[in-house]
C-alpha atoms as a PDB file:
ATOM      1  CA  MET A   1      69.296 100.103  84.685  1.00  0.00           C
ATOM      2  CA  SER A   2      71.349  99.684  81.496  1.00  0.00           C
ATOM      3  CA  ALA A   3      72.523  96.347  80.247  1.00  0.00           C
ATOM      4  CA  LEU A   4      75.516  95.293  82.407  1.00  0.00           C
ATOM      5  CA  ARG A   5      78.804  94.578  80.682  1.00  0.00           C
ATOM      6  CA  ILE A   6      81.454  92.284  82.211  1.00  0.00           C
ATOM      7  CA  TYR A   7      85.033  92.736  80.996  1.00  0.00           C
ATOM      8  CA  VAL A   8      86.838  89.390  81.441  1.00  0.00           C
ATOM      9  CA  PRO A   9      90.615  89.198  81.527  1.00  0.00           C
ATOM     10  CA  CYS A  10      92.123  86.803  79.159  1.00  0.00           C
ATOM     11  CA  ASP A  11      95.665  86.213  80.635  1.00  0.00           C
ATOM     12  CA  ALA A  12      96.790  83.025  81.491  1.00  0.00           C
ATOM     13  CA  ALA A  13      96.121  83.675  85.387  1.00  0.00           C
ATOM     14  CA  ALA A  14      92.868  84.624  84.762  1.00  0.00           C
ATOM     15  CA  VAL A  15      91.983  81.545  82.709  1.00  0.00           C
ATOM     16  CA  ALA A  16      93.693  79.261  85.639  1.00  0.00           C
ATOM     17  CA  CYS A  17      91.546  81.049  88.360  1.00  0.00           C
ATOM     18  CA  GLY A  18      88.269  80.368  86.360  1.00  0.00           C
ATOM     19  CA  ALA A  19      87.396  83.853  85.427  1.00  0.00           C
ATOM     20  CA  ASP A  20      85.220  82.457  82.496  1.00  0.00           C
ATOM     21  CA  GLU A  21      83.441  80.031  84.935  1.00  0.00           C
ATOM     22  CA  ILE A  22      82.340  83.140  87.070  1.00  0.00           C
ATOM     23  CA  ALA A  23      81.373  85.343  84.253  1.00  0.00           C
ATOM     24  CA  THR A  24      79.159  82.589  83.065  1.00  0.00           C
ATOM     25  CA  ALA A  25      77.547  82.142  86.517  1.00  0.00           C
ATOM     26  CA  ILE A  26      76.738  86.126  86.596  1.00  0.00           C
ATOM     27  CA  VAL A  27      75.219  85.910  83.249  1.00  0.00           C
ATOM     28  CA  ALA A  28      72.857  82.903  84.342  1.00  0.00           C
ATOM     29  CA  SER A  29      72.015  84.486  87.504  1.00  0.00           C
ATOM     30  CA  ALA A  30      71.248  87.755  85.978  1.00  0.00           C
ATOM     31  CA  ALA A  31      68.905  86.177  83.360  1.00  0.00           C
ATOM     32  CA  LYS A  32      66.767  84.736  85.861  1.00  0.00           C
ATOM     33  CA  ARG A  33      66.217  88.221  87.059  1.00  0.00           C
ATOM     34  CA  LYS A  34      65.740  89.642  83.653  1.00  0.00           C
ATOM     35  CA  ILE A  35      68.863  91.726  83.680  1.00  0.00           C
ATOM     36  CA  ALA A  36      70.728  91.659  80.404  1.00  0.00           C
ATOM     37  CA  VAL A  37      74.405  90.965  80.605  1.00  0.00           C
ATOM     38  CA  GLU A  38      77.293  91.204  77.771  1.00  0.00           C
ATOM     39  CA  ILE A  39      80.584  89.501  78.260  1.00  0.00           C
ATOM     40  CA  VAL A  40      83.733  91.346  76.566  1.00  0.00           C
ATOM     41  CA  ARG A  41      86.869  89.468  76.798  1.00  0.00           C
ATOM     42  CA  ASN A  42      90.143  91.535  76.763  1.00  0.00           C
ATOM     43  CA  GLY A  43      93.607  90.866  77.245  1.00  0.00           C
ATOM     44  CA  SER A  44      94.357  93.276  80.095  1.00  0.00           C
ATOM     45  CA  ARG A  45      91.887  96.069  80.956  1.00  0.00           C
ATOM     46  CA  GLY A  46      91.586  97.907  84.016  1.00  0.00           C
ATOM     47  CA  LEU A  47      93.455  96.816  87.449  1.00  0.00           C
ATOM     48  CA  HIS A  48      95.160  93.554  87.683  1.00  0.00           C
ATOM     49  CA  TRP A  49      94.345  91.086  90.697  1.00  0.00           C
ATOM     50  CA  LEU A  50      95.964  88.002  91.875  1.00  0.00           C
ATOM     51  CA  GLU A  51      92.380  86.490  92.266  1.00  0.00           C
ATOM     52  CA  PRO A  52      89.893  86.320  89.312  1.00  0.00           C
ATOM     53  CA  LEU A  53      89.090  89.862  88.370  1.00  0.00           C
ATOM     54  CA  LEU A  54      85.795  90.631  86.578  1.00  0.00           C
ATOM     55  CA  GLU A  55      85.382  94.358  85.790  1.00  0.00           C
ATOM     56  CA  ILE A  56      81.710  95.154  85.579  1.00  0.00           C
ATOM     57  CA  ALA A  57      80.396  97.984  83.790  1.00  0.00           C
ATOM     58  CA  THR A  58      77.125  99.811  82.438  1.00  0.00           C
ATOM     59  CA  ALA A  59      76.842 100.869  78.882  1.00  0.00           C
ATOM     60  CA  ASN A  60      78.393 104.143  80.205  1.00  0.00           C
ATOM     61  CA  GLY A  61      81.760 102.955  81.289  1.00  0.00           C
ATOM     62  CA  ARG A  62      83.460 100.795  84.032  1.00  0.00           C
ATOM     63  CA  ILE A  63      81.863 100.698  87.489  1.00  0.00           C
ATOM     64  CA  ALA A  64      83.324  98.011  89.512  1.00  0.00           C
ATOM     65  CA  TYR A  65      86.472  96.288  90.197  1.00  0.00           C
ATOM     66  CA  GLY A  66      86.890  93.286  92.594  1.00  0.00           C
ATOM     67  CA  PRO A  67      88.336  89.715  93.226  1.00  0.00           C
ATOM     68  CA  VAL A  68      85.196  87.600  92.976  1.00  0.00           C
ATOM     69  CA  GLU A  69      84.052  84.020  93.774  1.00  0.00           C
ATOM     70  CA  LEU A  70      81.108  81.905  92.340  1.00  0.00           C
ATOM     71  CA  ASN A  71      79.268  82.590  95.840  1.00  0.00           C
ATOM     72  CA  ASP A  72      79.579  86.129  95.128  1.00  0.00           C
ATOM     73  CA  VAL A  73      77.566  86.321  92.010  1.00  0.00           C
ATOM     74  CA  ASP A  74      74.106  87.603  93.474  1.00  0.00           C
ATOM     75  CA  SER A  75      75.566  89.910  95.940  1.00  0.00           C
ATOM     76  CA  ILE A  76      77.541  91.404  93.033  1.00  0.00           C
ATOM     77  CA  ILE A  77      74.613  92.034  90.921  1.00  0.00           C
ATOM     78  CA  ASP A  78      72.590  93.267  93.954  1.00  0.00           C
ATOM     79  CA  ALA A  79      75.329  95.820  95.117  1.00  0.00           C
ATOM     80  CA  MET A  80      75.285  97.194  91.237  1.00  0.00           C
ATOM     81  CA  ILE A  81      71.831  97.719  91.190  1.00  0.00           C
ATOM     82  CA  ALA A  82      71.885  99.120  94.729  1.00  0.00           C
ATOM     83  CA  ASP A  83      74.720 101.700  93.713  1.00  0.00           C
ATOM     84  CA  GLY A  84      72.919 102.544  90.574  1.00  0.00           C
ATOM     85  CA  GLY A  85      75.554 101.238  88.495  1.00  0.00           C
ATOM     86  CA  GLU A  86      78.225 103.750  89.984  1.00  0.00           C
ATOM     87  CA  HIS A  87      80.345 101.449  92.200  1.00  0.00           C
ATOM     88  CA  LYS A  88      84.000 102.123  91.430  1.00  0.00           C
ATOM     89  CA  LEU A  89      87.318 101.585  93.204  1.00  0.00           C
ATOM     90  CA  ARG A  90      87.549 104.253  96.014  1.00  0.00           C
ATOM     91  CA  VAL A  91      90.912 105.756  96.433  1.00  0.00           C
ATOM     92  CA  GLY A  92      91.700 107.953  99.515  1.00  0.00           C
ATOM     93  CA  VAL A  93      94.114 110.647  99.476  1.00  0.00           C
ATOM     94  CA  PRO A  94      95.232 111.940 102.918  1.00  0.00           C
ATOM     95  CA  GLU A  95      96.019 115.467 102.877  1.00  0.00           C
ATOM     96  CA  GLU A  96      98.188 115.106 105.973  1.00  0.00           C
ATOM     97  CA  PHE A  97     100.587 113.371 103.809  1.00  0.00           C
ATOM     98  CA  PHE A  98     100.867 116.335 101.272  1.00  0.00           C
ATOM     99  CA  ALA A  99     101.654 118.932 104.093  1.00  0.00           C
ATOM    100  CA  ASP A 100     104.615 121.138 104.702  1.00  0.00           C
ATOM    101  CA  GLY A 101     107.882 119.225 104.708  1.00  0.00           C
ATOM    102  CA  LEU A 102     107.244 117.130 101.626  1.00  0.00           C
ATOM    103  CA  ASP A 103     109.716 117.518  98.951  1.00  0.00           C
ATOM    104  CA  PRO A 104     107.918 119.424  95.917  1.00  0.00           C
ATOM    105  CA  GLU A 105     109.260 116.585  93.356  1.00  0.00           C
ATOM    106  CA  VAL A 106     107.940 113.797  95.523  1.00  0.00           C
ATOM    107  CA  GLY A 107     104.433 115.386  95.926  1.00  0.00           C
ATOM    108  CA  ALA A 108     104.220 115.987  92.114  1.00  0.00           C
ATOM    109  CA  SER A 109     105.178 112.583  91.323  1.00  0.00           C
ATOM    110  CA  VAL A 110     102.977 110.853  93.811  1.00  0.00           C
ATOM    111  CA  ARG A 111      99.913 113.224  92.949  1.00  0.00           C
ATOM    112  CA  ALA A 112     100.630 112.184  89.104  1.00  0.00           C
ATOM    113  CA  ALA A 113     100.595 108.357  89.907  1.00  0.00           C
ATOM    114  CA  ILE A 114      97.046 109.148  91.899  1.00  0.00           C
ATOM    115  CA  ARG A 115      95.600 110.906  88.665  1.00  0.00           C
ATOM    116  CA  GLU A 116      96.539 107.815  86.526  1.00  0.00           C
ATOM    117  CA  LEU A 117      94.428 105.784  88.811  1.00  0.00           C
ATOM    118  CA  GLU A 118      91.514 108.092  88.391  1.00  0.00           C
ATOM    119  CA  ALA A 119      92.192 108.178  84.835  1.00  0.00           C
ATOM    120  CA  ASP A 120      91.673 104.193  84.883  1.00  0.00           C
ATOM    121  CA  GLY A 121      88.405 104.631  86.478  1.00  0.00           C
ATOM    122  CA  CYS A 122      88.891 104.969  90.102  1.00  0.00           C
ATOM    123  CA  VAL A 123      87.318 107.470  92.444  1.00  0.00           C
ATOM    124  CA  LEU A 124      89.319 109.828  94.251  1.00  0.00           C
ATOM    125  CA  ARG A 125      88.157 111.043  97.710  1.00  0.00           C
ATOM    126  CA  PRO A 126      89.885 113.029 100.373  1.00  0.00           C
ATOM    127  CA  VAL A 127      90.335 111.414 103.596  1.00  0.00           C
ATOM    128  CA  THR A 128      91.815 112.296 106.986  1.00  0.00           C
ATOM    129  CA  LEU A 129      94.354 110.960 109.285  1.00  0.00           C
ATOM    130  CA  PRO A 130      94.440 113.539 111.980  1.00  0.00           C
ATOM    131  CA  HIS A 131      96.811 111.688 114.385  1.00  0.00           C
ATOM    132  CA  THR A 132      99.477 111.212 111.564  1.00  0.00           C
ATOM    133  CA  ARG A 133     101.699 114.024 113.263  1.00  0.00           C
ATOM    134  CA  TYR A 134     102.196 111.686 116.528  1.00  0.00           C
ATOM    135  CA  ALA A 135     103.012 108.729 114.402  1.00  0.00           C
ATOM    136  CA  VAL A 136     107.246 109.097 114.914  1.00  0.00           C
ATOM    137  CA  ALA A 137     107.130 109.783 118.570  1.00  0.00           C
ATOM    138  CA  THR A 138     104.579 106.914 119.354  1.00  0.00           C
ATOM    139  CA  TYR A 139     106.174 104.488 117.060  1.00  0.00           C
ATOM    140  CA  TYR A 140     109.658 104.929 118.512  1.00  0.00           C
ATOM    141  CA  ILE A 141     108.569 104.865 122.119  1.00  0.00           C
ATOM    142  CA  LEU A 142     106.774 101.358 121.433  1.00  0.00           C
ATOM    143  CA  ALA A 143     109.644 100.098 119.114  1.00  0.00           C
ATOM    144  CA  THR A 144     112.280 101.004 121.504  1.00  0.00           C
ATOM    145  CA  ALA A 145     110.561  99.407 124.485  1.00  0.00           C
ATOM    146  CA  GLU A 146     110.181  96.230 122.454  1.00  0.00           C
ATOM    147  CA  ALA A 147     113.865  96.490 121.487  1.00  0.00           C
ATOM    148  CA  SER A 148     114.690  96.685 125.238  1.00  0.00           C
ATOM    149  CA  SER A 149     112.729  93.728 126.336  1.00  0.00           C
ATOM    150  CA  ASN A 150     113.382  91.424 123.513  1.00  0.00           C
ATOM    151  CA  LEU A 151     116.974  91.987 123.422  1.00  0.00           C
ATOM    152  CA  SER A 152     117.639  91.261 127.026  1.00  0.00           C
ATOM    153  CA  ARG A 153     117.745  87.768 126.244  1.00  0.00           C
ATOM    154  CA  PHE A 154     121.185  88.195 124.403  1.00  0.00           C
ATOM    155  CA  ASP A 155     123.406  88.229 127.331  1.00  0.00           C
ATOM    156  CA  GLY A 156     126.096  85.894 126.318  1.00  0.00           C
ATOM    157  CA  VAL A 157     124.817  83.106 128.468  1.00  0.00           C
ATOM    158  CA  ARG A 158     121.848  81.738 126.707  1.00  0.00           C
ATOM    159  CA  TYR A 159     121.973  82.835 122.907  1.00  0.00           C
ATOM    160  CA  GLY A 160     124.473  84.300 120.373  1.00  0.00           C
ATOM    161  CA  LEU A 161     127.692  85.757 120.851  1.00  0.00           C
ATOM    162  CA  ARG A 162     130.047  85.551 124.096  1.00  0.00           C
ATOM    163  CA  VAL A 163     132.895  87.576 124.992  1.00  0.00           C
ATOM    164  CA  GLY A 164     135.391  85.926 127.216  1.00  0.00           C
ATOM    165  CA  GLY A 165     138.978  86.486 128.248  1.00  0.00           C
ATOM    166  CA  ASP A 166     140.526  89.860 129.492  1.00  0.00           C
ATOM    167  CA  ALA A 167     137.697  91.897 127.928  1.00  0.00           C
ATOM    168  CA  ALA A 168     135.130  90.361 129.878  1.00  0.00           C
ATOM    169  CA  GLY A 169     136.755  90.869 133.319  1.00  0.00           C
ATOM    170  CA  ALA A 170     136.601  88.367 136.281  1.00  0.00           C
ATOM    171  CA  ASP A 171     133.025  88.334 136.772  1.00  0.00           C
ATOM    172  CA  LEU A 172     129.516  87.590 135.366  1.00  0.00           C
ATOM    173  CA  ARG A 173     128.467  91.133 135.028  1.00  0.00           C
ATOM    174  CA  GLY A 174     131.877  92.092 133.004  1.00  0.00           C
ATOM    175  CA  MET A 175     131.135  89.110 130.565  1.00  0.00           C
ATOM    176  CA  TYR A 176     127.394  90.560 130.173  1.00  0.00           C
ATOM    177  CA  GLY A 177     128.830  93.929 129.492  1.00  0.00           C
ATOM    178  CA  ALA A 178     131.576  93.023 127.071  1.00  0.00           C
ATOM    179  CA  THR A 179     129.205  90.697 124.914  1.00  0.00           C
ATOM    180  CA  ARG A 180     126.518  93.275 124.630  1.00  0.00           C
ATOM    181  CA  ASP A 181     128.869  96.123 123.677  1.00  0.00           C
ATOM    182  CA  ALA A 182     130.675  94.028 121.322  1.00  0.00           C
ATOM    183  CA  GLY A 183     127.387  92.436 119.771  1.00  0.00           C
ATOM    184  CA  PHE A 184     125.000  95.518 119.368  1.00  0.00           C
ATOM    185  CA  GLY A 185     125.723  98.360 116.930  1.00  0.00           C
ATOM    186  CA  ASP A 186     125.112 101.841 117.905  1.00  0.00           C
ATOM    187  CA  GLU A 187     121.700 102.124 116.647  1.00  0.00           C
ATOM    188  CA  VAL A 188     120.711  99.072 118.776  1.00  0.00           C
ATOM    189  CA  LYS A 189     122.241 100.437 121.789  1.00  0.00           C
ATOM    190  CA  ARG A 190     120.299 103.727 121.073  1.00  0.00           C
ATOM    191  CA  ARG A 191     117.110 101.817 121.253  1.00  0.00           C
ATOM    192  CA  ILE A 192     117.807  99.748 124.301  1.00  0.00           C
ATOM    193  CA  LEU A 193     118.616 102.776 126.346  1.00  0.00           C
ATOM    194  CA  LEU A 194     115.701 104.577 124.975  1.00  0.00           C
ATOM    195  CA  GLY A 195     113.354 101.595 125.740  1.00  0.00           C
ATOM    196  CA  THR A 196     114.553 100.936 129.132  1.00  0.00           C
ATOM    197  CA  PHE A 197     113.920 104.608 130.032  1.00  0.00           C
ATOM    198  CA  VAL A 198     110.380 104.466 128.839  1.00  0.00           C
ATOM    199  CA  LEU A 199     109.731 101.375 130.505  1.00  0.00           C
ATOM    200  CA  SER A 200     111.227 102.456 133.875  1.00  0.00           C
ATOM    201  CA  ALA A 201     108.816 102.541 136.926  1.00  0.00           C
ATOM    202  CA  GLY A 202     108.815 106.491 136.895  1.00  0.00           C
ATOM    203  CA  TYR A 203     108.124 106.870 133.238  1.00  0.00           C
ATOM    204  CA  TYR A 204     106.005 103.895 132.193  1.00  0.00           C
ATOM    205  CA  ASP A 205     102.656 105.958 132.395  1.00  0.00           C
ATOM    206  CA  ALA A 206     104.050 109.019 130.968  1.00  0.00           C
ATOM    207  CA  TYR A 207     105.664 107.577 127.899  1.00  0.00           C
ATOM    208  CA  TYR A 208     104.635 103.866 127.286  1.00  0.00           C
ATOM    209  CA  ARG A 209     101.069 103.630 128.343  1.00  0.00           C
ATOM    210  CA  LYS A 210     100.537 107.171 126.730  1.00  0.00           C
ATOM    211  CA  ALA A 211     102.037 106.011 123.452  1.00  0.00           C
ATOM    212  CA  GLN A 212      99.521 102.913 123.484  1.00  0.00           C
ATOM    213  CA  GLN A 213      96.736 105.202 123.903  1.00  0.00           C
ATOM    214  CA  VAL A 214      97.845 107.235 120.887  1.00  0.00           C
ATOM    215  CA  ARG A 215      98.510 104.093 118.917  1.00  0.00           C
ATOM    216  CA  THR A 216      94.682 103.388 119.513  1.00  0.00           C
ATOM    217  CA  LEU A 217      93.781 106.852 118.112  1.00  0.00           C
ATOM    218  CA  VAL A 218      95.766 106.184 115.026  1.00  0.00           C
ATOM    219  CA  ARG A 219      94.272 102.769 114.529  1.00  0.00           C
ATOM    220  CA  ARG A 220      90.651 104.401 114.587  1.00  0.00           C
ATOM    221  CA  ASP A 221      91.850 106.931 112.061  1.00  0.00           C
ATOM    222  CA  PHE A 222      92.254 104.388 109.526  1.00  0.00           C
ATOM    223  CA  GLU A 223      89.059 102.226 110.406  1.00  0.00           C
ATOM    224  CA  SER A 224      87.243 105.573 109.595  1.00  0.00           C
ATOM    225  CA  ALA A 225      89.182 106.440 106.416  1.00  0.00           C
ATOM    226  CA  LEU A 226      88.982 102.935 105.211  1.00  0.00           C
ATOM    227  CA  ALA A 227      85.422 102.544 105.632  1.00  0.00           C
ATOM    228  CA  GLN A 228      84.838 105.189 103.112  1.00  0.00           C
ATOM    229  CA  VAL A 229      87.552 104.008 100.659  1.00  0.00           C
ATOM    230  CA  ASP A 230      88.846 100.909  99.240  1.00  0.00           C
ATOM    231  CA  VAL A 231      92.621 101.872  99.514  1.00  0.00           C
ATOM    232  CA  ILE A 232      94.620 104.970 100.569  1.00  0.00           C
ATOM    233  CA  CYS A 233      97.489 106.225  98.213  1.00  0.00           C
ATOM    234  CA  CYS A 234     100.154 108.474  99.662  1.00  0.00           C
ATOM    235  CA  PRO A 235     103.878 109.127  99.431  1.00  0.00           C
ATOM    236  CA  THR A 236     106.248 106.650 101.019  1.00  0.00           C
ATOM    237  CA  SER A 237     108.892 108.859 102.215  1.00  0.00           C
ATOM    238  CA  PRO A 238     108.913 113.009 102.507  1.00  0.00           C
ATOM    239  CA  THR A 239     112.194 113.228 100.318  1.00  0.00           C
ATOM    240  CA  PRO A 240     113.529 111.212  97.562  1.00  0.00           C
ATOM    241  CA  ALA A 241     116.459 108.499  98.414  1.00  0.00           C
ATOM    242  CA  PHE A 242     119.296 110.082  99.926  1.00  0.00           C
ATOM    243  CA  ARG A 243     123.065 108.897  99.842  1.00  0.00           C
ATOM    244  CA  LEU A 244     123.933 105.757 101.702  1.00  0.00           C
ATOM    245  CA  GLY A 245     125.025 106.833 105.074  1.00  0.00           C
ATOM    246  CA  GLU A 246     124.279 110.473 104.668  1.00  0.00           C
ATOM    247  CA  LYS A 247     121.961 110.695 107.543  1.00  0.00           C
ATOM    248  CA  SER A 248     123.448 108.096 110.000  1.00  0.00           C
ATOM    249  CA  GLY A 249     124.859 110.868 112.092  1.00  0.00           C
ATOM    250  CA  ASP A 250     121.702 112.417 112.679  1.00  0.00           C
ATOM    251  CA  PRO A 251     119.142 109.701 114.151  1.00  0.00           C
ATOM    252  CA  LEU A 252     116.369 112.132 114.402  1.00  0.00           C
ATOM    253  CA  ALA A 253     116.354 112.965 110.753  1.00  0.00           C
ATOM    254  CA  MET A 254     116.484 109.455 109.948  1.00  0.00           C
ATOM    255  CA  TYR A 255     113.475 108.770 112.072  1.00  0.00           C
ATOM    256  CA  LEU A 256     111.570 111.476 110.372  1.00  0.00           C
ATOM    257  CA  ASN A 257     111.845 109.883 107.150  1.00  0.00           C
ATOM    258  CA  ASP A 258     109.510 107.207 108.446  1.00  0.00           C
ATOM    259  CA  ILE A 259     106.912 109.603 109.184  1.00  0.00           C
ATOM    260  CA  TYR A 260     104.441 108.119 106.396  1.00  0.00           C
ATOM    261  CA  THR A 261     105.087 104.634 106.807  1.00  0.00           C
ATOM    262  CA  LEU A 262     104.816 104.257 110.582  1.00  0.00           C
ATOM    263  CA  PRO A 263     101.058 105.171 110.795  1.00  0.00           C
ATOM    264  CA  ALA A 264     100.251 101.936 108.911  1.00  0.00           C
ATOM    265  CA  SER A 265     102.474  99.753 111.077  1.00  0.00           C
ATOM    266  CA  LEU A 266     100.762 101.298 114.365  1.00  0.00           C
ATOM    267  CA  ALA A 267      97.385 100.767 112.708  1.00  0.00           C
ATOM    268  CA  GLY A 268      98.072  97.076 111.817  1.00  0.00           C
ATOM    269  CA  VAL A 269      96.955  97.528 108.223  1.00  0.00           C
ATOM    270  CA  PRO A 270      98.688  96.117 105.242  1.00  0.00           C
ATOM    271  CA  ALA A 271     100.842  98.569 103.129  1.00  0.00           C
ATOM    272  CA  MET A 272     103.329  98.393 100.325  1.00  0.00           C
ATOM    273  CA  SER A 273     105.539 100.703  98.307  1.00  0.00           C
ATOM    274  CA  VAL A 274     105.945 100.913  94.777  1.00  0.00           C
ATOM    275  CA  PRO A 275     108.066 103.321  92.492  1.00  0.00           C
ATOM    276  CA  CYS A 276     106.578 105.982  90.585  1.00  0.00           C
ATOM    277  CA  ALA A 277     108.000 108.976  88.347  1.00  0.00           C
ATOM    278  CA  PRO A 278     111.675 109.538  89.767  1.00  0.00           C
ATOM    279  CA  THR A 279     113.086 113.016  90.205  1.00  0.00           C
ATOM    280  CA  ARG A 280     114.946 115.002  87.618  1.00  0.00           C
ATOM    281  CA  ALA A 281     117.999 113.608  88.974  1.00  0.00           C
ATOM    282  CA  GLY A 282     116.876 109.876  88.488  1.00  0.00           C
ATOM    283  CA  LEU A 283     116.410 109.302  92.390  1.00  0.00           C
ATOM    284  CA  PRO A 284     113.477 107.161  92.821  1.00  0.00           C
ATOM    285  CA  ILE A 285     110.248 107.995  94.595  1.00  0.00           C
ATOM    286  CA  GLY A 286     108.078 105.820  96.082  1.00  0.00           C
ATOM    287  CA  LEU A 287     103.934 105.502  96.150  1.00  0.00           C
ATOM    288  CA  GLN A 288     102.391 103.909  99.192  1.00  0.00           C
ATOM    289  CA  VAL A 289      99.192 101.851  98.904  1.00  0.00           C
ATOM    290  CA  ILE A 290      97.505 100.901 102.267  1.00  0.00           C
ATOM    291  CA  ALA A 291      94.484  98.600 102.347  1.00  0.00           C
ATOM    292  CA  ARG A 292      92.026  97.185 105.003  1.00  0.00           C
ATOM    293  CA  PRO A 293      93.423  94.362 107.127  1.00  0.00           C
ATOM    294  CA  LEU A 294      93.171  90.965 105.063  1.00  0.00           C
ATOM    295  CA  GLU A 295      92.603  92.833 101.994  1.00  0.00           C
ATOM    296  CA  GLU A 296      95.882  92.529 100.665  1.00  0.00           C
ATOM    297  CA  SER A 297      94.717  91.482  97.238  1.00  0.00           C
ATOM    298  CA  THR A 298      93.109  94.863  96.754  1.00  0.00           C
ATOM    299  CA  MET A 299      96.358  96.321  97.847  1.00  0.00           C
ATOM    300  CA  LEU A 300      98.660  94.140  95.298  1.00  0.00           C
ATOM    301  CA  ALA A 301      96.237  94.961  92.368  1.00  0.00           C
ATOM    302  CA  VAL A 302      96.325  98.695  92.998  1.00  0.00           C
ATOM    303  CA  ALA A 303     100.059  98.661  93.458  1.00  0.00           C
ATOM    304  CA  ALA A 304     100.606  96.539  90.231  1.00  0.00           C
ATOM    305  CA  ALA A 305      98.537  99.033  88.337  1.00  0.00           C
ATOM    306  CA  CYS A 306     100.702 101.985  89.757  1.00  0.00           C
ATOM    307  CA  GLU A 307     103.850 100.232  88.944  1.00  0.00           C
ATOM    308  CA  LYS A 308     103.019  99.330  85.440  1.00  0.00           C
ATOM    309  CA  ARG A 309     102.069 102.913  84.646  1.00  0.00           C
ATOM    310  CA  ALA A 310     105.163 104.373  86.444  1.00  0.00           C
ATOM    311  CA  PRO A 311     107.368 106.092  83.935  1.00  0.00           C
ATOM    312  CA  GLN A 312     110.807 104.346  83.398  1.00  0.00           C
ATOM    313  CA  PRO A 313     113.917 106.276  84.594  1.00  0.00           C
ATOM    314  CA  THR A 314     115.609 108.085  81.549  1.00  0.00           C
ATOM    315  CA  ILE A 315     118.719 109.169  83.635  1.00  0.00           C
ATOM    316  CA  LYS A 316     121.013 106.758  85.138  1.00  0.00           C
ATOM    317  CA  PRO A 317     121.562 107.629  88.732  1.00  0.00           C
ATOM    318  CA  VAL A 318     125.164 108.368  89.705  1.00  0.00           C
ATOM    319  CA  ASP A 319     126.594 106.257  92.425  1.00  0.00           C
ATOM    320  CA  TRP A 320     125.105 108.125  95.528  1.00  0.00           C
ATOM    321  CA  THR A 321     126.979 105.629  97.803  1.00  0.00           C
ATOM    322  CA  ARG A 322     130.374 107.690  96.810  1.00  0.00           C
ATOM    323  CA  PRO A 323     130.791 111.223  98.149  1.00  0.00           C
ATOM    324  CA  SER A 324     130.113 113.952  95.635  1.00  0.00           C
ATOM    325  CA  ARG A 325     133.018 115.715  94.131  1.00  0.00           C
ATOM    326  CA  THR A 326     131.704 118.924  95.241  1.00  0.00           C
ATOM    327  CA  SER A 327     130.882 118.061  98.825  1.00  0.00           C
END
């Protein structure tokens, strides 16, 4: 195997976290095994982590990224030798998130951001999340059921608002109804109604139980995909940002805009959105980064790298909260 080269970031955060100490430990451990290691100090190279980052490379180029601690030293060297010096950060690209329904500008911007990661030394791998198409239906069955159950406590007796007087009528039931009608908005009422329906005795098995079973399938999809890659990158939404209130009259259209973010919520994996290149009209586009459970540091590192490389908007967006003059 070629001599190893360790790139040590020299920014204040890396110094404070002991990056030099870790690099020195790796050199000492490698020397005992007769492996040559060179330390190269630079200001900012590769992906940035919240924990100490050492970028380990062969003479041919970068090969590994990762937050490391002193007790990781031997395992890092072993992994490098086992991988033949080719251990790179693996980025999964799920084709289900780039299918029909995705705005062309969104798809082009997100793919360009992912290619930037590849240019920075990451390896792109296709992954599959086949149950993504069921995510919206599954999530809104489970979420509305939880809303119906959790919000039942807001009855005007124990918590929050209480409507009294003539509006509440003469009995307790009237006070309940008046309080909940005044205190909940249209979307909350809609979710309570849907949730009560799917939890009812005649429909519990057909809807709620089935949704929980599909949720398990979604989680297994992510477990399988994230066993092959370190992070998954995909669009945040199928369309660019729309005018405030533009789709409030069409709840289904609003729900469908969540199709790319709901799978991670169902699977219980960390995910975040960062901006990538905006549309020609200056509207923002989001890139979603998904990682394994309890590996938020990887997610944050990749997200920071993507955000840093995202082109700055050159067109100031119009005030999209106001109706267009042509509408």
